[in-house]
Amino acid sequence: MTDLSIITVGFQSREYVRELLKSLIAARGDLSIEYFAIDNSMGDGLVEMVEKEFVPLGDERLKITAIQNSENLGFAKANNIGITQSTGRYVLLLNPDMRLNSDTLSNMVAWMDENPQAGIAGCTLKTSVGDIQPHVRRFPTLWDQLVILLKLPHLFPKILNQYVQTDFDYTKTARVDSIRGSFFMIRRSTIEAHGGLDDRFFIWFEEVDYCKQAAAKGIEVWYTTAAECIDFVGRSFSLVGGLQKQKYFTRSMVQYFEKWHPESAWIIKVLRPIALIGAWVAQKIRL
């Protein structure tokens, strides 16, 4: 069995994937790896670039595959294409705007091997200048999501401190509720237990939903300091306008609450138009 299957879903992210693959090749070490580049956009040449520049570099311990989707399927559904084809003991969902350090993959796989209690895990994420990128979150509650919808953190900057765990110590390995989907390692047994991501989520909330599913089945989610990765934080998704981002985000929020907290989902639905109007106004002001 392959040690590690890595899946990257791209949207207008050819150059980011090129740099990511360069870092991956430098970080492969002694691992056997299969890498899937899945393109959700049409026409930016991501698949052609991967097939021309990187597929020929593969060997018996490194297989690189590029997949072109005929439409934008969203993050969850596109990742599931790779998950279905994967054979690795571990599956790593890795965003295009990540850069691997030379020991990121070997350290992460070694940590997973030594910690069988971890069904899902993320590592230390750092910005391009070396600062810690916070990414551990508690599971969403109605209160904190209403705060986000109504943009209250602009008036009360500390109001989400508990939800975003501002007191979390990123120098210590710990069991957590959820981690960011940009570097999201899943044990094969976890996939066997409940499959891939819920493809009802087009973008956002799919990783926290997966962690929630895991918790419901007694599967643990961990943050570990054993490995580090550089996170350029959403550069590829910056191509999407603010109003469209709000549509994606709030729709996924509604879907999350319909799934896990149906008794309060109607409140999110009622307030969603307010958030969209606010995003529309902000976009017009910027224009």
Protein backbone atom coordinates (compact mmCIF):
# COMPACT_ATOMS: atom_id res chain seq x y z
CA MET A 1 0.00 0.00 0.00
CA THR A 2 1.16 3.53 -0.78
CA ASP A 3 2.26 5.53 2.26
CA LEU A 4 0.55 8.78 1.36
CA SER A 5 -2.06 10.01 -1.11
CA ILE A 6 -2.07 13.80 -1.58
CA ILE A 7 -5.00 15.61 -3.18
CA THR A 8 -4.94 19.22 -4.34
CA VAL A 9 -8.05 20.86 -5.76
CA GLY A 10 -7.26 23.88 -7.87
CA PHE A 11 -9.30 26.74 -9.29
CA GLN A 12 -7.33 29.14 -11.49
CA SER A 13 -4.27 28.03 -9.51
CA ARG A 14 -1.79 26.70 -12.03
CA GLU A 15 1.17 28.71 -10.70
CA TYR A 16 0.41 27.85 -7.09
CA VAL A 17 0.25 24.14 -7.92
CA ARG A 18 3.54 24.39 -9.82
CA GLU A 19 5.30 25.79 -6.74
CA LEU A 20 3.55 23.30 -4.46
CA LEU A 21 4.70 20.38 -6.60
CA LYS A 22 8.27 21.65 -6.55
CA SER A 23 8.16 21.64 -2.75
CA LEU A 24 6.51 18.22 -2.71
CA ILE A 25 9.22 16.65 -4.85
CA ALA A 26 11.86 18.12 -2.53
CA ALA A 27 9.97 16.80 0.51
CA ARG A 28 9.13 13.27 -0.67
CA GLY A 29 11.98 11.58 1.21
CA ASP A 30 11.61 7.80 1.38
CA LEU A 31 7.81 7.84 1.28
CA SER A 32 5.78 6.25 -1.48
CA ILE A 33 3.40 8.96 -2.67
CA GLU A 34 0.57 9.36 -5.13
CA TYR A 35 -0.44 12.92 -5.94
CA PHE A 36 -3.71 14.03 -7.53
CA ALA A 37 -4.03 17.53 -9.00
CA ILE A 38 -7.73 18.09 -9.63
CA ASP A 39 -8.68 21.17 -11.64
CA ASN A 40 -12.08 22.72 -10.96
CA SER A 41 -11.53 25.50 -13.50
CA MET A 42 -11.41 25.26 -17.25
CA GLY A 43 -8.79 26.94 -19.37
CA ASP A 44 -5.93 27.99 -17.09
CA GLY A 45 -3.73 25.08 -18.19
CA LEU A 46 -3.19 23.47 -14.79
CA VAL A 47 -3.64 19.92 -16.07
CA GLU A 48 -1.42 20.51 -19.10
CA MET A 49 1.30 22.02 -16.90
CA VAL A 50 1.26 19.09 -14.46
CA GLU A 51 1.31 16.51 -17.25
CA LYS A 52 4.15 18.23 -19.08
CA GLU A 53 6.40 19.32 -16.21
CA PHE A 54 5.77 16.85 -13.38
CA VAL A 55 4.22 13.57 -14.52
CA PRO A 56 7.50 12.62 -16.28
CA LEU A 57 9.33 13.07 -12.96
CA GLY A 58 7.37 10.25 -11.37
CA ASP A 59 8.73 6.79 -10.65
CA GLU A 60 7.72 3.65 -8.79
CA ARG A 61 7.53 5.63 -5.52
CA LEU A 62 5.96 8.81 -6.87
CA LYS A 63 2.91 8.80 -9.10
CA ILE A 64 1.47 12.13 -10.25
CA THR A 65 -1.98 12.33 -11.81
CA ALA A 66 -3.83 15.37 -13.19
CA ILE A 67 -7.62 15.34 -13.49
CA GLN A 68 -9.68 17.92 -15.37
CA ASN A 69 -13.25 18.44 -14.18
CA SER A 70 -15.78 19.59 -16.77
CA GLU A 71 -17.20 22.14 -14.33
CA ASN A 72 -16.50 23.63 -10.93
CA LEU A 73 -17.67 20.83 -8.63
CA GLY A 74 -16.69 22.58 -5.42
CA PHE A 75 -14.06 21.61 -2.87
CA ALA A 76 -15.71 18.59 -1.26
CA LYS A 77 -16.90 16.83 -4.41
CA ALA A 78 -13.58 17.39 -6.22
CA ASN A 79 -11.59 16.06 -3.25
CA ASN A 80 -13.82 13.01 -3.18
CA ILE A 81 -12.75 12.20 -6.74
CA GLY A 82 -9.19 11.89 -5.46
CA ILE A 83 -10.19 10.12 -2.25
CA THR A 84 -12.08 7.48 -4.27
CA GLN A 85 -8.98 6.78 -6.38
CA SER A 86 -6.49 6.95 -3.52
CA THR A 87 -4.69 3.92 -2.09
CA GLY A 88 -2.53 5.51 0.60
CA ARG A 89 -2.42 4.56 4.26
CA TYR A 90 -3.02 8.26 4.79
CA VAL A 91 -4.79 10.82 2.62
CA LEU A 92 -3.66 14.46 2.77
CA LEU A 93 -5.93 17.21 1.48
CA LEU A 94 -3.50 19.97 0.57
CA ASN A 95 -4.48 23.37 -0.79
CA PRO A 96 -2.66 24.87 -3.80
CA ASP A 97 -1.30 27.79 -1.78
CA MET A 98 0.66 25.59 0.64
CA ARG A 99 4.42 25.01 0.57
CA LEU A 100 5.98 21.94 2.14
CA ASN A 101 9.19 22.04 4.13
CA SER A 102 11.75 19.34 3.38
CA ASP A 103 10.62 17.18 6.33
CA THR A 104 6.90 18.03 6.46
CA LEU A 105 5.60 14.81 4.93
CA SER A 106 8.01 12.36 6.55
CA ASN A 107 7.50 13.90 9.99
CA MET A 108 3.73 13.93 9.63
CA VAL A 109 3.49 10.31 8.47
CA ALA A 110 5.85 9.22 11.26
CA TRP A 111 3.70 11.02 13.82
CA MET A 112 0.52 9.38 12.49
CA ASP A 113 2.22 5.98 12.64
CA GLU A 114 3.14 6.60 16.28
CA ASN A 115 -0.30 7.96 17.25
CA PRO A 116 -2.99 5.53 16.11
CA GLN A 117 -5.60 7.37 18.17
CA ALA A 118 -5.52 10.22 15.64
CA GLY A 119 -8.00 9.64 12.81
CA ILE A 120 -7.55 13.17 11.44
CA ALA A 121 -4.62 15.51 12.03
CA GLY A 122 -3.16 18.85 11.05
CA CYS A 123 0.26 20.31 11.68
CA THR A 124 1.77 23.69 12.52
CA LEU A 125 0.97 26.21 9.78
CA LYS A 126 3.18 29.24 9.35
CA THR A 127 2.91 32.37 7.26
CA SER A 128 5.49 33.23 4.62
CA VAL A 129 7.35 35.34 7.22
CA GLY A 130 7.39 32.56 9.81
CA ASP A 131 4.52 33.56 12.09
CA ILE A 132 2.09 30.96 13.43
CA GLN A 133 -1.09 30.78 11.35
CA PRO A 134 -3.96 30.05 13.79
CA HIS A 135 -6.30 27.37 12.47
CA VAL A 136 -7.67 25.33 15.37
CA ARG A 137 -11.39 25.97 15.93
CA ARG A 138 -14.13 24.78 18.23
CA PHE A 139 -17.24 23.36 16.63
CA PRO A 140 -19.59 26.12 15.46
CA THR A 141 -22.46 27.16 17.70
CA LEU A 142 -25.48 29.28 16.83
CA TRP A 143 -24.12 32.16 18.87
CA ASP A 144 -20.72 32.48 17.20
CA GLN A 145 -22.13 32.03 13.71
CA LEU A 146 -24.73 34.76 14.33
CA VAL A 147 -21.88 36.99 15.48
CA ILE A 148 -20.10 36.32 12.18
CA LEU A 149 -23.23 36.88 10.07
CA LEU A 150 -23.93 40.22 11.75
CA LYS A 151 -20.26 41.33 11.47
CA LEU A 152 -20.09 42.05 15.19
CA PRO A 153 -16.33 41.40 15.45
CA HIS A 154 -15.84 44.76 13.68
CA LEU A 155 -17.34 46.39 16.80
CA PHE A 156 -16.23 43.86 19.40
CA PRO A 157 -12.86 42.39 18.29
CA LYS A 158 -12.68 39.81 21.11
CA ILE A 159 -16.21 38.47 20.80
CA LEU A 160 -15.09 35.31 18.92
CA ASN A 161 -12.09 34.53 21.11
CA GLN A 162 -13.61 31.33 22.46
CA TYR A 163 -14.69 30.04 19.04
CA VAL A 164 -11.33 30.72 17.35
CA GLN A 165 -9.45 29.63 20.49
CA THR A 166 -7.15 32.60 20.78
CA ASP A 167 -5.70 30.98 23.89
CA PHE A 168 -4.70 27.79 22.07
CA ASP A 169 -1.02 26.93 22.56
CA TYR A 170 0.40 26.09 19.13
CA THR A 171 3.67 24.93 20.72
CA LYS A 172 1.92 21.86 22.16
CA THR A 173 0.34 18.84 20.50
CA ALA A 174 -3.30 18.45 21.53
CA ARG A 175 -6.62 16.84 20.72
CA VAL A 176 -8.95 19.45 19.16
CA ASP A 177 -12.43 19.87 17.69
CA SER A 178 -11.40 20.82 14.14
CA ILE A 179 -8.49 21.92 11.98
CA ARG A 180 -8.22 23.84 8.74
CA GLY A 181 -8.84 21.92 5.54
CA SER A 182 -5.77 23.40 3.84
CA PHE A 183 -3.56 20.69 5.42
CA PHE A 184 -5.89 17.89 6.45
CA MET A 185 -4.49 14.40 6.95
CA ILE A 186 -6.94 11.49 7.21
CA ARG A 187 -6.15 7.95 8.30
CA ARG A 188 -7.36 5.25 5.88
CA SER A 189 -9.47 3.65 8.63
CA THR A 190 -11.28 6.98 9.09
CA ILE A 191 -12.21 7.05 5.41
CA GLU A 192 -13.35 3.45 5.65
CA ALA A 193 -15.52 4.38 8.64
CA HIS A 194 -17.48 7.18 7.01
CA GLY A 195 -16.21 7.81 3.50
CA GLY A 196 -15.16 11.11 2.00
CA LEU A 197 -16.32 14.67 2.51
CA ASP A 198 -20.00 15.56 2.43
CA ASP A 199 -20.30 16.95 -1.10
CA ARG A 200 -23.33 19.04 -0.23
CA PHE A 201 -20.78 21.61 0.94
CA PHE A 202 -19.49 23.46 -2.13
CA ILE A 203 -16.83 25.37 -0.20
CA TRP A 204 -16.42 26.08 3.54
CA PHE A 205 -17.62 24.00 6.48
CA GLU A 206 -16.73 20.71 4.75
CA GLU A 207 -13.70 20.13 6.97
CA VAL A 208 -15.44 21.05 10.22
CA ASP A 209 -18.34 18.82 9.17
CA TYR A 210 -15.90 15.95 8.58
CA CYS A 211 -14.36 16.51 12.02
CA LYS A 212 -17.85 16.61 13.52
CA GLN A 213 -18.69 13.30 11.83
CA ALA A 214 -15.48 11.82 13.20
CA ALA A 215 -16.25 13.01 16.74
CA ALA A 216 -19.73 11.49 16.51
CA LYS A 217 -18.10 8.11 15.83
CA GLY A 218 -15.45 8.45 18.52
CA ILE A 219 -12.65 9.25 16.04
CA GLU A 220 -10.13 11.75 17.37
CA VAL A 221 -8.89 14.93 15.66
CA TRP A 222 -5.43 16.18 16.58
CA TYR A 223 -3.14 19.14 16.09
CA THR A 224 0.54 18.22 16.17
CA THR A 225 3.77 20.19 16.29
CA ALA A 226 5.64 17.27 14.69
CA ALA A 227 5.52 18.91 11.23
CA GLU A 228 5.34 22.40 9.76
CA CYS A 229 3.96 23.75 6.50
CA ILE A 230 3.82 27.23 4.97
CA ASP A 231 0.31 28.54 4.37
CA PHE A 232 -0.22 31.47 2.01
CA VAL A 233 -3.83 31.67 3.26
CA GLY A 234 -6.31 31.76 0.44
CA ARG A 235 -4.32 33.34 -2.37
CA SER A 236 -6.01 31.21 -5.00
CA PHE A 237 -9.48 31.85 -3.59
CA SER A 238 -8.85 35.62 -3.67
CA LEU A 239 -9.99 35.48 -7.32
CA VAL A 240 -13.58 35.08 -6.11
CA GLY A 241 -15.45 38.32 -5.37
CA GLY A 242 -16.61 39.26 -1.89
CA LEU A 243 -20.32 38.82 -2.57
CA GLN A 244 -19.79 35.38 -4.12
CA LYS A 245 -17.66 34.35 -1.15
CA GLN A 246 -20.49 35.37 1.16
CA LYS A 247 -22.97 33.34 -0.88
CA TYR A 248 -20.76 30.25 -0.65
CA PHE A 249 -19.97 30.76 3.03
CA THR A 250 -23.49 31.47 4.24
CA ARG A 251 -25.01 28.69 2.15
CA SER A 252 -22.59 26.21 3.70
CA MET A 253 -23.38 27.63 7.14
CA VAL A 254 -27.07 26.95 6.56
CA GLN A 255 -26.30 23.42 5.38
CA TYR A 256 -24.14 22.76 8.44
CA PHE A 257 -26.88 23.83 10.81
CA GLU A 258 -29.53 21.92 8.90
CA LYS A 259 -27.39 18.82 9.38
CA TRP A 260 -26.20 19.22 12.96
CA HIS A 261 -28.55 21.74 14.60
CA PRO A 262 -31.81 21.63 12.61
CA GLU A 263 -33.77 23.24 15.43
CA SER A 264 -31.88 26.52 14.96
CA ALA A 265 -31.11 26.43 11.22
CA TRP A 266 -34.09 28.68 10.50
CA ILE A 267 -32.41 31.55 12.38
CA ILE A 268 -29.37 31.34 10.10
CA LYS A 269 -31.68 31.26 7.06
CA VAL A 270 -33.51 34.39 8.21
CA LEU A 271 -30.31 36.36 8.79
CA ARG A 272 -28.47 35.15 5.71
CA PRO A 273 -30.01 37.83 3.40
CA ILE A 274 -28.77 40.54 5.76
CA ALA A 275 -25.22 39.24 5.43
CA LEU A 276 -25.52 39.09 1.65
CA ILE A 277 -26.86 42.64 1.44
CA GLY A 278 -23.96 43.82 3.59
CA ALA A 279 -21.46 42.04 1.30
CA TRP A 280 -23.14 43.58 -1.77
CA VAL A 281 -22.93 47.08 -0.29
CA ALA A 282 -19.29 46.60 0.70
CA GLN A 283 -18.45 45.40 -2.82
CA LYS A 284 -20.16 48.42 -4.40
CA ILE A 285 -18.28 50.78 -2.07
CA ARG A 286 -14.94 49.20 -3.02
CA LEU A 287 -15.81 49.57 -6.71
